[in-house]
C-alpha cells in the first residue's frame, strides 16, 4: 500500500513533467516584473532625492550668503528627470529582451538563429535611422553635460533665442521675433550660452571725431559707476565697470567701449540702464555723439 508521501511525490512528478515549461515561464515573468519594479523604484528614489536636495539648497542658500538661480535649479531637475526617463526606458527594454529570449529558449526555439536574423534587421534599421540615433545620442550628451537648459539664452549657429524645451531628439528655441524653432540635436555643432556663470553688459558709445577723449572717458566712467552702485543693480553686477578705450577710429567718429561684468541673465537689464545714464551724462557734459550725416562738396566749375 502506497503512503501519502509516495502518492504526493508521484503526483508532483507527473504535474511537473506536464507543466514545468509553463511554470518556468510564469516564474520568469514574475521575476522580470519584480526586477523591473525594483529598478524603477530605485531610479524614482534617486530623482526624488535630487529634487529634495535642490529644494533644501534653494531654501538655505540665502542664510549662508549664497544665491541659487531658480533657472539653475530647474535645469538640474530637468536634467535629472531626463536621465531618469532614459534609464527607465533602458531598464524596461533590457528586461523585455532578456525575458523574451529566455522564454523562447525555454520553448525550444533556436535563439541563436533568431539573434542572427535580428542582428541583420537591426543593422538595416540602424543604417536607415542614423540621423535619429545621432539626434538621440547628441540630446543625451547635451542634457548630461548641461550645455544649456530651459530659460537659457543661447546661440546655436543660425538660431538664437531663449530655450523653452530640451528633449532627447529636438530642442525648442524662441527667438526675438517670437518664432518657436525646433532644432534637431544632431545638427547642433556649437552652442553659445549667455546664461551660465556670468556675462557682460557691453555698450559702445560713438562720439564725434573732435571729442576730447579723456574728458569723455571720465564722464563714461562716472556714469557706469553710478549705474553699478544703484540699489537695484548692486545684486546684479560683479566688480567695477571697465572702459576699454577707443575701439573704432574713423574720419567721422571714434567709439569708446564700456563693459560691466554681471551675473548671468542680467546683461540686458543693466545695458539698458547704462545707455540711459550715458545719454544723460553726455548731454549734461556737452559731449557730442557721432552723426551719420555726410558732407558732400560739389564743384561748380
C-alpha atoms as a PDB file:
ATOM      1  CA  UNK A   1       0.000   0.000   0.000  1.00  0.00           C
ATOM      2  CA  UNK A   2       1.384   3.353  -1.041  1.00  0.00           C
ATOM      3  CA  UNK A   3       1.896   6.003   1.561  1.00  0.00           C
ATOM      4  CA  UNK A   4       0.584   9.541   1.298  1.00  0.00           C
ATOM      5  CA  UNK A   5       4.132  10.849   0.724  1.00  0.00           C
ATOM      6  CA  UNK A   6       4.638   8.473  -2.180  1.00  0.00           C
ATOM      7  CA  UNK A   7       1.315   9.465  -3.762  1.00  0.00           C
ATOM      8  CA  UNK A   8       2.109  13.154  -3.359  1.00  0.00           C
ATOM      9  CA  UNK A   9       5.564  12.650  -4.815  1.00  0.00           C
ATOM     10  CA  UNK A  10       4.191  10.770  -7.826  1.00  0.00           C
ATOM     11  CA  UNK A  11       1.510  13.416  -8.355  1.00  0.00           C
ATOM     12  CA  UNK A  12       4.035  16.260  -8.164  1.00  0.00           C
ATOM     13  CA  UNK A  13       6.374  14.426 -10.552  1.00  0.00           C
ATOM     14  CA  UNK A  14       3.571  13.947 -13.083  1.00  0.00           C
ATOM     15  CA  UNK A  15       2.407  17.546 -12.629  1.00  0.00           C
ATOM     16  CA  UNK A  16       5.935  18.908 -13.073  1.00  0.00           C
ATOM     17  CA  UNK A  17       6.538  16.767 -16.146  1.00  0.00           C
ATOM     18  CA  UNK A  18       3.374  18.073 -17.778  1.00  0.00           C
ATOM     19  CA  UNK A  19       3.500  21.723 -16.727  1.00  0.00           C
ATOM     20  CA  UNK A  20       7.165  22.504 -15.947  1.00  0.00           C
ATOM     21  CA  UNK A  21       7.597  24.664 -19.073  1.00  0.00           C
ATOM     22  CA  UNK A  22       4.602  26.840 -18.242  1.00  0.00           C
ATOM     23  CA  UNK A  23       5.688  27.115 -14.599  1.00  0.00           C
ATOM     24  CA  UNK A  24       9.185  28.246 -15.600  1.00  0.00           C
ATOM     25  CA  UNK A  25       7.761  30.813 -17.995  1.00  0.00           C
ATOM     26  CA  UNK A  26       5.470  32.179 -15.288  1.00  0.00           C
ATOM     27  CA  UNK A  27       8.397  32.367 -12.858  1.00  0.00           C
ATOM     28  CA  UNK A  28      10.436  34.253 -15.469  1.00  0.00           C
ATOM     29  CA  UNK A  29       7.618  36.733 -15.998  1.00  0.00           C
ATOM     30  CA  UNK A  30       7.186  37.257 -12.263  1.00  0.00           C
ATOM     31  CA  UNK A  31      10.932  37.762 -11.758  1.00  0.00           C
ATOM     32  CA  UNK A  32      11.058  40.190 -14.682  1.00  0.00           C
ATOM     33  CA  UNK A  33       8.145  42.257 -13.342  1.00  0.00           C
ATOM     34  CA  UNK A  34       9.540  42.313  -9.806  1.00  0.00           C
ATOM     35  CA  UNK A  35      13.045  43.160 -11.008  1.00  0.00           C
ATOM     36  CA  UNK A  36      11.747  45.966 -13.212  1.00  0.00           C
ATOM     37  CA  UNK A  37       9.639  47.358 -10.373  1.00  0.00           C
ATOM     38  CA  UNK A  38      12.644  47.365  -8.020  1.00  0.00           C
ATOM     39  CA  UNK A  39      14.954  49.059 -10.537  1.00  0.00           C
ATOM     40  CA  UNK A  40      12.381  51.711 -11.469  1.00  0.00           C
ATOM     41  CA  UNK A  41      11.766  52.322  -7.774  1.00  0.00           C
ATOM     42  CA  UNK A  42      15.487  52.955  -7.281  1.00  0.00           C
ATOM     43  CA  UNK A  43      15.500  55.448 -10.164  1.00  0.00           C
ATOM     44  CA  UNK A  44      12.445  57.265  -8.751  1.00  0.00           C
ATOM     45  CA  UNK A  45      14.057  57.461  -5.309  1.00  0.00           C
ATOM     46  CA  UNK A  46      17.197  58.983  -6.837  1.00  0.00           C
ATOM     47  CA  UNK A  47      15.107  61.602  -8.673  1.00  0.00           C
ATOM     48  CA  UNK A  48      13.170  62.429  -5.519  1.00  0.00           C
ATOM     49  CA  UNK A  49      16.379  62.767  -3.502  1.00  0.00           C
ATOM     50  CA  UNK A  50      17.795  65.175  -6.091  1.00  0.00           C
ATOM     51  CA  UNK A  51      14.566  67.210  -6.054  1.00  0.00           C
ATOM     52  CA  UNK A  52      14.547  67.316  -2.249  1.00  0.00           C
ATOM     53  CA  UNK A  53      18.200  68.332  -2.163  1.00  0.00           C
ATOM     54  CA  UNK A  54      17.588  71.102  -4.687  1.00  0.00           C
ATOM     55  CA  UNK A  55      14.688  72.475  -2.661  1.00  0.00           C
ATOM     56  CA  UNK A  56      16.795  72.444   0.506  1.00  0.00           C
ATOM     57  CA  UNK A  57      19.714  74.220  -1.192  1.00  0.00           C
ATOM     58  CA  UNK A  58      17.381  76.806  -2.711  1.00  0.00           C
ATOM     59  CA  UNK A  59      15.826  77.432   0.706  1.00  0.00           C
ATOM     60  CA  UNK A  60      19.057  77.564   2.726  1.00  0.00           C
ATOM     61  CA  UNK A  61      21.272  79.424   0.248  1.00  0.00           C
ATOM     62  CA  UNK A  62      20.289  82.951   1.448  1.00  0.00           C
ATOM     63  CA  UNK A  63      21.154  82.002   5.051  1.00  0.00           C
ATOM     64  CA  UNK A  64      24.769  81.359   4.054  1.00  0.00           C
ATOM     65  CA  UNK A  65      25.110  84.427   1.869  1.00  0.00           C
ATOM     66  CA  UNK A  66      24.803  82.498  -1.366  1.00  0.00           C
ATOM     67  CA  UNK A  67      22.334  82.538  -4.188  1.00  0.00           C
ATOM     68  CA  UNK A  68      20.988  79.772  -6.394  1.00  0.00           C
ATOM     69  CA  UNK A  69      19.115  80.782  -9.506  1.00  0.00           C
ATOM     70  CA  UNK A  70      15.670  79.185  -9.936  1.00  0.00           C
ATOM     71  CA  UNK A  71      16.637  78.567 -13.573  1.00  0.00           C
ATOM     72  CA  UNK A  72      19.740  76.669 -12.484  1.00  0.00           C
ATOM     73  CA  UNK A  73      17.642  74.652 -10.070  1.00  0.00           C
ATOM     74  CA  UNK A  74      15.044  73.924 -12.768  1.00  0.00           C
ATOM     75  CA  UNK A  75      17.785  72.890 -15.195  1.00  0.00           C
ATOM     76  CA  UNK A  76      19.220  70.457 -12.640  1.00  0.00           C
ATOM     77  CA  UNK A  77      15.791  68.911 -12.071  1.00  0.00           C
ATOM     78  CA  UNK A  78      15.123  68.701 -15.791  1.00  0.00           C
ATOM     79  CA  UNK A  79      18.472  67.040 -16.436  1.00  0.00           C
ATOM     80  CA  UNK A  80      17.826  64.546 -13.647  1.00  0.00           C
ATOM     81  CA  UNK A  81      14.330  63.712 -14.919  1.00  0.00           C
ATOM     82  CA  UNK A  82      15.577  63.321 -18.480  1.00  0.00           C
ATOM     83  CA  UNK A  83      18.308  60.944 -17.384  1.00  0.00           C
ATOM     84  CA  UNK A  84      15.755  59.056 -15.294  1.00  0.00           C
ATOM     85  CA  UNK A  85      13.485  58.731 -18.333  1.00  0.00           C
ATOM     86  CA  UNK A  86      16.370  57.328 -20.366  1.00  0.00           C
ATOM     87  CA  UNK A  87      17.253  54.867 -17.601  1.00  0.00           C
ATOM     88  CA  UNK A  88      13.625  53.774 -17.264  1.00  0.00           C
ATOM     89  CA  UNK A  89      13.408  53.018 -20.974  1.00  0.00           C
ATOM     90  CA  UNK A  90      16.753  51.232 -20.920  1.00  0.00           C
ATOM     91  CA  UNK A  91      15.736  49.102 -17.940  1.00  0.00           C
ATOM     92  CA  UNK A  92      12.363  48.227 -19.456  1.00  0.00           C
ATOM     93  CA  UNK A  93      13.682  47.239 -22.872  1.00  0.00           C
ATOM     94  CA  UNK A  94      16.636  45.308 -21.431  1.00  0.00           C
ATOM     95  CA  UNK A  95      14.365  43.251 -19.189  1.00  0.00           C
ATOM     96  CA  UNK A  96      11.876  42.682 -22.017  1.00  0.00           C
ATOM     97  CA  UNK A  97      14.579  41.455 -24.398  1.00  0.00           C
ATOM     98  CA  UNK A  98      16.177  39.176 -21.801  1.00  0.00           C
ATOM     99  CA  UNK A  99      12.808  37.773 -20.715  1.00  0.00           C
ATOM    100  CA  UNK A 100      11.608  37.126 -24.281  1.00  0.00           C
ATOM    101  CA  UNK A 101      14.928  35.453 -25.107  1.00  0.00           C
ATOM    102  CA  UNK A 102      14.702  33.220 -22.051  1.00  0.00           C
ATOM    103  CA  UNK A 103      11.073  32.278 -22.808  1.00  0.00           C
ATOM    104  CA  UNK A 104      11.873  31.406 -26.430  1.00  0.00           C
ATOM    105  CA  UNK A 105      14.794  29.283 -25.278  1.00  0.00           C
ATOM    106  CA  UNK A 106      12.513  27.534 -22.804  1.00  0.00           C
ATOM    107  CA  UNK A 107      10.062  26.786 -25.612  1.00  0.00           C
ATOM    108  CA  UNK A 108      12.836  25.190 -27.645  1.00  0.00           C
ATOM    109  CA  UNK A 109      13.237  27.953 -30.212  1.00  0.00           C
ATOM    110  CA  UNK A 110      16.730  28.361 -31.698  1.00  0.00           C
ATOM    111  CA  UNK A 111      17.582  31.712 -30.163  1.00  0.00           C
ATOM    112  CA  UNK A 112      20.940  31.869 -31.945  1.00  0.00           C
ATOM    113  CA  UNK A 113      19.334  31.837 -35.402  1.00  0.00           C
ATOM    114  CA  UNK A 114      16.816  34.478 -34.316  1.00  0.00           C
ATOM    115  CA  UNK A 115      19.616  36.630 -32.897  1.00  0.00           C
ATOM    116  CA  UNK A 116      21.490  36.463 -36.207  1.00  0.00           C
ATOM    117  CA  UNK A 117      18.362  37.481 -38.119  1.00  0.00           C
ATOM    118  CA  UNK A 118      17.580  40.217 -35.615  1.00  0.00           C
ATOM    119  CA  UNK A 119      21.138  41.456 -35.958  1.00  0.00           C
ATOM    120  CA  UNK A 120      20.770  41.820 -39.704  1.00  0.00           C
ATOM    121  CA  UNK A 121      17.386  43.505 -39.294  1.00  0.00           C
ATOM    122  CA  UNK A 122      18.783  45.818 -36.619  1.00  0.00           C
ATOM    123  CA  UNK A 123      21.709  46.736 -38.851  1.00  0.00           C
ATOM    124  CA  UNK A 124      19.314  47.658 -41.655  1.00  0.00           C
ATOM    125  CA  UNK A 125      17.108  49.721 -39.357  1.00  0.00           C
ATOM    126  CA  UNK A 126      20.152  51.367 -37.787  1.00  0.00           C
ATOM    127  CA  UNK A 127      21.527  52.321 -41.202  1.00  0.00           C
ATOM    128  CA  UNK A 128      18.196  53.859 -42.194  1.00  0.00           C
ATOM    129  CA  UNK A 129      17.771  55.687 -38.881  1.00  0.00           C
ATOM    130  CA  UNK A 130      21.269  57.087 -38.483  1.00  0.00           C
ATOM    131  CA  UNK A 131      20.028  60.657 -38.155  1.00  0.00           C
ATOM    132  CA  UNK A 132      17.529  59.697 -35.465  1.00  0.00           C
ATOM    133  CA  UNK A 133      20.171  57.811 -33.476  1.00  0.00           C
ATOM    134  CA  UNK A 134      22.535  60.766 -33.874  1.00  0.00           C
ATOM    135  CA  UNK A 135      19.858  63.137 -32.546  1.00  0.00           C
ATOM    136  CA  UNK A 136      19.144  60.923 -29.531  1.00  0.00           C
ATOM    137  CA  UNK A 137      22.807  60.469 -28.605  1.00  0.00           C
ATOM    138  CA  UNK A 138      23.502  64.197 -29.029  1.00  0.00           C
ATOM    139  CA  UNK A 139      20.474  65.056 -26.887  1.00  0.00           C
ATOM    140  CA  UNK A 140      21.664  62.700 -24.179  1.00  0.00           C
ATOM    141  CA  UNK A 141      25.077  64.390 -24.058  1.00  0.00           C
ATOM    142  CA  UNK A 142      23.500  67.873 -24.104  1.00  0.00           C
ATOM    143  CA  UNK A 143      21.451  67.013 -21.018  1.00  0.00           C
ATOM    144  CA  UNK A 144      24.223  65.099 -19.242  1.00  0.00           C
ATOM    145  CA  UNK A 145      26.819  67.846 -19.806  1.00  0.00           C
ATOM    146  CA  UNK A 146      24.344  70.651 -19.025  1.00  0.00           C
ATOM    147  CA  UNK A 147      25.288  72.562 -22.177  1.00  0.00           C
ATOM    148  CA  UNK A 148      22.053  74.536 -21.851  1.00  0.00           C
ATOM    149  CA  UNK A 149      18.681  74.294 -20.156  1.00  0.00           C
ATOM    150  CA  UNK A 150      15.196  75.789 -20.068  1.00  0.00           C
ATOM    151  CA  UNK A 151      15.337  79.582 -19.815  1.00  0.00           C
ATOM    152  CA  UNK A 152      18.902  79.925 -21.125  1.00  0.00           C
ATOM    153  CA  UNK A 153      19.724  82.478 -23.815  1.00  0.00           C
ATOM    154  CA  UNK A 154      21.686  80.576 -26.441  1.00  0.00           C
ATOM    155  CA  UNK A 155      23.240  80.896 -29.881  1.00  0.00           C
ATOM    156  CA  UNK A 156      23.028  77.642 -31.841  1.00  0.00           C
ATOM    157  CA  UNK A 157      24.536  78.954 -35.050  1.00  0.00           C
ATOM    158  CA  UNK A 158      21.703  80.073 -37.301  1.00  0.00           C
ATOM    159  CA  UNK A 159      19.215  80.233 -34.407  1.00  0.00           C
ATOM    160  CA  UNK A 160      19.474  82.461 -31.331  1.00  0.00           C
ATOM    161  CA  UNK A 161      16.929  82.899 -28.576  1.00  0.00           C
ATOM    162  CA  UNK A 162      15.592  81.500 -25.330  1.00  0.00           C
ATOM    163  CA  UNK A 163      15.400  77.756 -24.758  1.00  0.00           C
ATOM    164  CA  UNK A 164      11.846  76.628 -23.975  1.00  0.00           C
ATOM    165  CA  UNK A 165      12.279  72.858 -24.037  1.00  0.00           C
ATOM    166  CA  UNK A 166      15.148  70.377 -24.183  1.00  0.00           C
ATOM    167  CA  UNK A 167      14.359  66.879 -25.417  1.00  0.00           C
ATOM    168  CA  UNK A 168      16.468  63.936 -26.447  1.00  0.00           C
ATOM    169  CA  UNK A 169      15.647  64.499 -30.140  1.00  0.00           C
ATOM    170  CA  UNK A 170      14.910  68.223 -30.546  1.00  0.00           C
ATOM    171  CA  UNK A 171      15.469  71.500 -28.715  1.00  0.00           C
ATOM    172  CA  UNK A 172      12.827  74.253 -28.843  1.00  0.00           C
ATOM    173  CA  UNK A 173      14.173  77.815 -29.042  1.00  0.00           C
ATOM    174  CA  UNK A 174      12.071  81.013 -29.112  1.00  0.00           C
ATOM    175  CA  UNK A 175      13.793  83.881 -30.980  1.00  0.00           C
ATOM    176  CA  UNK A 176      13.331  87.635 -30.507  1.00  0.00           C
ATOM    177  CA  UNK A 177      10.570  87.694 -33.139  1.00  0.00           C
ATOM    178  CA  UNK A 178       8.531  85.191 -31.136  1.00  0.00           C
ATOM    179  CA  UNK A 179       9.131  82.320 -33.579  1.00  0.00           C
ATOM    180  CA  UNK A 180       9.488  78.898 -31.958  1.00  0.00           C
ATOM    181  CA  UNK A 181      12.245  76.921 -33.656  1.00  0.00           C
ATOM    182  CA  UNK A 182      12.607  73.142 -33.424  1.00  0.00           C
ATOM    183  CA  UNK A 183      16.307  72.332 -33.710  1.00  0.00           C
ATOM    184  CA  UNK A 184      17.451  68.726 -34.135  1.00  0.00           C
ATOM    185  CA  UNK A 185      20.097  67.947 -31.535  1.00  0.00           C
ATOM    186  CA  UNK A 186      22.221  66.053 -34.033  1.00  0.00           C
ATOM    187  CA  UNK A 187      22.524  69.192 -36.180  1.00  0.00           C
ATOM    188  CA  UNK A 188      23.843  71.382 -33.341  1.00  0.00           C
ATOM    189  CA  UNK A 189      27.569  71.824 -33.956  1.00  0.00           C
ATOM    190  CA  UNK A 190      28.280  74.615 -31.491  1.00  0.00           C
ATOM    191  CA  UNK A 191      26.489  76.192 -28.537  1.00  0.00           C
ATOM    192  CA  UNK A 192      26.957  79.709 -27.230  1.00  0.00           C
ATOM    193  CA  UNK A 193      25.284  80.034 -23.812  1.00  0.00           C
ATOM    194  CA  UNK A 194      24.763  83.558 -22.476  1.00  0.00           C
ATOM    195  CA  UNK A 195      23.178  82.381 -19.221  1.00  0.00           C
ATOM    196  CA  UNK A 196      25.776  80.238 -17.489  1.00  0.00           C
ATOM    197  CA  UNK A 197      28.164  81.563 -14.864  1.00  0.00           C
ATOM    198  CA  UNK A 198      28.469  85.252 -15.728  1.00  0.00           C
ATOM    199  CA  UNK A 199      28.132  87.558 -18.706  1.00  0.00           C
ATOM    200  CA  UNK A 200      28.981  91.101 -19.720  1.00  0.00           C
ATOM    201  CA  UNK A 201      26.890  94.156 -20.407  1.00  0.00           C
ATOM    202  CA  UNK A 202      28.694  95.807 -23.321  1.00  0.00           C
ATOM    203  CA  UNK A 203      27.885  99.280 -24.642  1.00  0.00           C
ATOM    204  CA  UNK A 204      29.710 101.077 -27.456  1.00  0.00           C
ATOM    205  CA  UNK A 205      29.495 104.871 -27.414  1.00  0.00           C
ATOM    206  CA  UNK A 206      30.088 106.509 -30.814  1.00  0.00           C
ATOM    207  CA  UNK A 207      31.420 110.075 -30.327  1.00  0.00           C
ATOM    208  CA  UNK A 208      32.272 112.879 -32.710  1.00  0.00           C
ATOM    209  CA  UNK A 209      35.837 112.704 -34.023  1.00  0.00           C
ATOM    210  CA  UNK A 210      36.787 116.036 -32.384  1.00  0.00           C
ATOM    211  CA  UNK A 211      35.682 114.897 -28.892  1.00  0.00           C
ATOM    212  CA  UNK A 212      38.173 115.206 -26.038  1.00  0.00           C
ATOM    213  CA  UNK A 213      38.811 111.510 -25.373  1.00  0.00           C
ATOM    214  CA  UNK A 214      39.990 111.884 -21.770  1.00  0.00           C
ATOM    215  CA  UNK A 215      37.036 114.084 -20.802  1.00  0.00           C
ATOM    216  CA  UNK A 216      34.606 111.668 -22.468  1.00  0.00           C
ATOM    217  CA  UNK A 217      36.299 108.729 -20.731  1.00  0.00           C
ATOM    218  CA  UNK A 218      35.838 110.338 -17.312  1.00  0.00           C
ATOM    219  CA  UNK A 219      32.155 111.050 -17.996  1.00  0.00           C
ATOM    220  CA  UNK A 220      31.583 107.484 -19.174  1.00  0.00           C
ATOM    221  CA  UNK A 221      33.393 106.010 -16.145  1.00  0.00           C
ATOM    222  CA  UNK A 222      31.356 108.153 -13.741  1.00  0.00           C
ATOM    223  CA  UNK A 223      28.080 107.213 -15.455  1.00  0.00           C
ATOM    224  CA  UNK A 224      28.928 103.491 -15.445  1.00  0.00           C
ATOM    225  CA  UNK A 225      29.966 103.637 -11.783  1.00  0.00           C
ATOM    226  CA  UNK A 226      26.720 105.408 -10.860  1.00  0.00           C
ATOM    227  CA  UNK A 227      24.631 102.718 -12.594  1.00  0.00           C
ATOM    228  CA  UNK A 228      26.590  99.908 -10.909  1.00  0.00           C
ATOM    229  CA  UNK A 229      26.121 101.463  -7.451  1.00  0.00           C
ATOM    230  CA  UNK A 230      22.354 101.906  -7.726  1.00  0.00           C
ATOM    231  CA  UNK A 231      20.469  99.747  -5.169  1.00  0.00           C
ATOM    232  CA  UNK A 232      18.565  97.801  -7.813  1.00  0.00           C
ATOM    233  CA  UNK A 233      21.836  96.902  -9.582  1.00  0.00           C
ATOM    234  CA  UNK A 234      24.188  96.031  -6.726  1.00  0.00           C
ATOM    235  CA  UNK A 235      22.953  92.421  -6.731  1.00  0.00           C
ATOM    236  CA  UNK A 236      23.437  92.161 -10.499  1.00  0.00           C
ATOM    237  CA  UNK A 237      26.977  93.429 -11.020  1.00  0.00           C
ATOM    238  CA  UNK A 238      30.268  91.626 -10.423  1.00  0.00           C
ATOM    239  CA  UNK A 239      33.140  94.030  -9.859  1.00  0.00           C
ATOM    240  CA  UNK A 240      33.638  97.540 -11.177  1.00  0.00           C
ATOM    241  CA  UNK A 241      32.866  98.692 -14.734  1.00  0.00           C
ATOM    242  CA  UNK A 242      35.709  98.984 -17.230  1.00  0.00           C
ATOM    243  CA  UNK A 243      36.201 101.466 -20.045  1.00  0.00           C
ATOM    244  CA  UNK A 244      38.238  99.770 -22.755  1.00  0.00           C
ATOM    245  CA  UNK A 245      39.027 102.953 -24.617  1.00  0.00           C
ATOM    246  CA  UNK A 246      38.771 103.595 -28.343  1.00  0.00           C
ATOM    247  CA  UNK A 247      37.602 100.533 -30.271  1.00  0.00           C
ATOM    248  CA  UNK A 248      36.898 102.157 -33.644  1.00  0.00           C
ATOM    249  CA  UNK A 249      38.557 105.223 -35.129  1.00  0.00           C
ATOM    250  CA  UNK A 250      37.466 106.738 -38.452  1.00  0.00           C
ATOM    251  CA  UNK A 251      37.417 110.163 -40.030  1.00  0.00           C
ATOM    252  CA  UNK A 252      33.872 110.736 -38.755  1.00  0.00           C
ATOM    253  CA  UNK A 253      33.771 109.173 -35.303  1.00  0.00           C
ATOM    254  CA  UNK A 254      35.506 107.359 -32.513  1.00  0.00           C
ATOM    255  CA  UNK A 255      33.892 104.563 -30.495  1.00  0.00           C
ATOM    256  CA  UNK A 256      34.597 104.030 -26.792  1.00  0.00           C
ATOM    257  CA  UNK A 257      33.536 100.737 -25.237  1.00  0.00           C
ATOM    258  CA  UNK A 258      32.350 100.309 -21.643  1.00  0.00           C
ATOM    259  CA  UNK A 259      31.935  96.848 -20.122  1.00  0.00           C
ATOM    260  CA  UNK A 260      30.317  95.688 -16.882  1.00  0.00           C
ATOM    261  CA  UNK A 261      30.611  92.100 -15.651  1.00  0.00           C
ATOM    262  CA  UNK A 262      27.232  90.869 -14.351  1.00  0.00           C
ATOM    263  CA  UNK A 263      25.514  87.743 -13.131  1.00  0.00           C
ATOM    264  CA  UNK A 264      24.018  85.543 -15.817  1.00  0.00           C
ATOM    265  CA  UNK A 265      20.750  86.754 -17.288  1.00  0.00           C
ATOM    266  CA  UNK A 266      21.274  90.361 -16.105  1.00  0.00           C
ATOM    267  CA  UNK A 267      23.275  91.798 -19.009  1.00  0.00           C
ATOM    268  CA  UNK A 268      20.360  93.209 -20.998  1.00  0.00           C
ATOM    269  CA  UNK A 269      18.724  94.897 -17.991  1.00  0.00           C
ATOM    270  CA  UNK A 270      21.958  96.576 -16.943  1.00  0.00           C
ATOM    271  CA  UNK A 271      22.850  97.592 -20.508  1.00  0.00           C
ATOM    272  CA  UNK A 272      19.511  99.395 -20.863  1.00  0.00           C
ATOM    273  CA  UNK A 273      20.076 101.373 -17.685  1.00  0.00           C
ATOM    274  CA  UNK A 274      23.669 102.100 -18.674  1.00  0.00           C
ATOM    275  CA  UNK A 275      22.627 103.538 -22.041  1.00  0.00           C
ATOM    276  CA  UNK A 276      20.062 105.803 -20.382  1.00  0.00           C
ATOM    277  CA  UNK A 277      22.598 107.129 -17.883  1.00  0.00           C
ATOM    278  CA  UNK A 278      25.267 107.612 -20.571  1.00  0.00           C
ATOM    279  CA  UNK A 279      22.836 109.665 -22.661  1.00  0.00           C
ATOM    280  CA  UNK A 280      22.018 111.898 -19.701  1.00  0.00           C
ATOM    281  CA  UNK A 281      25.649 112.309 -18.612  1.00  0.00           C
ATOM    282  CA  UNK A 282      26.975 113.035 -22.103  1.00  0.00           C
ATOM    283  CA  UNK A 283      24.243 115.614 -22.724  1.00  0.00           C
ATOM    284  CA  UNK A 284      24.995 117.289 -19.380  1.00  0.00           C
ATOM    285  CA  UNK A 285      28.722 117.433 -20.219  1.00  0.00           C
ATOM    286  CA  UNK A 286      28.045 118.809 -23.694  1.00  0.00           C
ATOM    287  CA  UNK A 287      29.773 115.897 -25.421  1.00  0.00           C
ATOM    288  CA  UNK A 288      28.529 115.400 -28.938  1.00  0.00           C
ATOM    289  CA  UNK A 289      27.642 111.948 -30.211  1.00  0.00           C
ATOM    290  CA  UNK A 290      28.711 110.953 -33.687  1.00  0.00           C
ATOM    291  CA  UNK A 291      26.372 111.914 -36.502  1.00  0.00           C
ATOM    292  CA  UNK A 292      25.614 109.810 -39.536  1.00  0.00           C
ATOM    293  CA  UNK A 293      25.343 112.914 -41.701  1.00  0.00           C
ATOM    294  CA  UNK A 294      27.837 113.195 -44.509  1.00  0.00           C
ATOM    295  CA  UNK A 295      29.083 116.406 -46.073  1.00  0.00           C
ATOM    296  CA  UNK A 296      29.196 116.420 -49.874  1.00  0.00           C
ATOM    297  CA  UNK A 297      31.225 119.026 -51.735  1.00  0.00           C
ATOM    298  CA  UNK A 298      30.042 119.805 -55.235  1.00  0.00           C
ATOM    299  CA  UNK A 299      32.287 121.626 -57.639  1.00  0.00           C
ATOM    300  CA  UNK A 300      30.579 124.370 -59.712  1.00  0.00           C
ATOM    301  CA  UNK A 301      33.344 124.609 -62.305  1.00  0.00           C
END
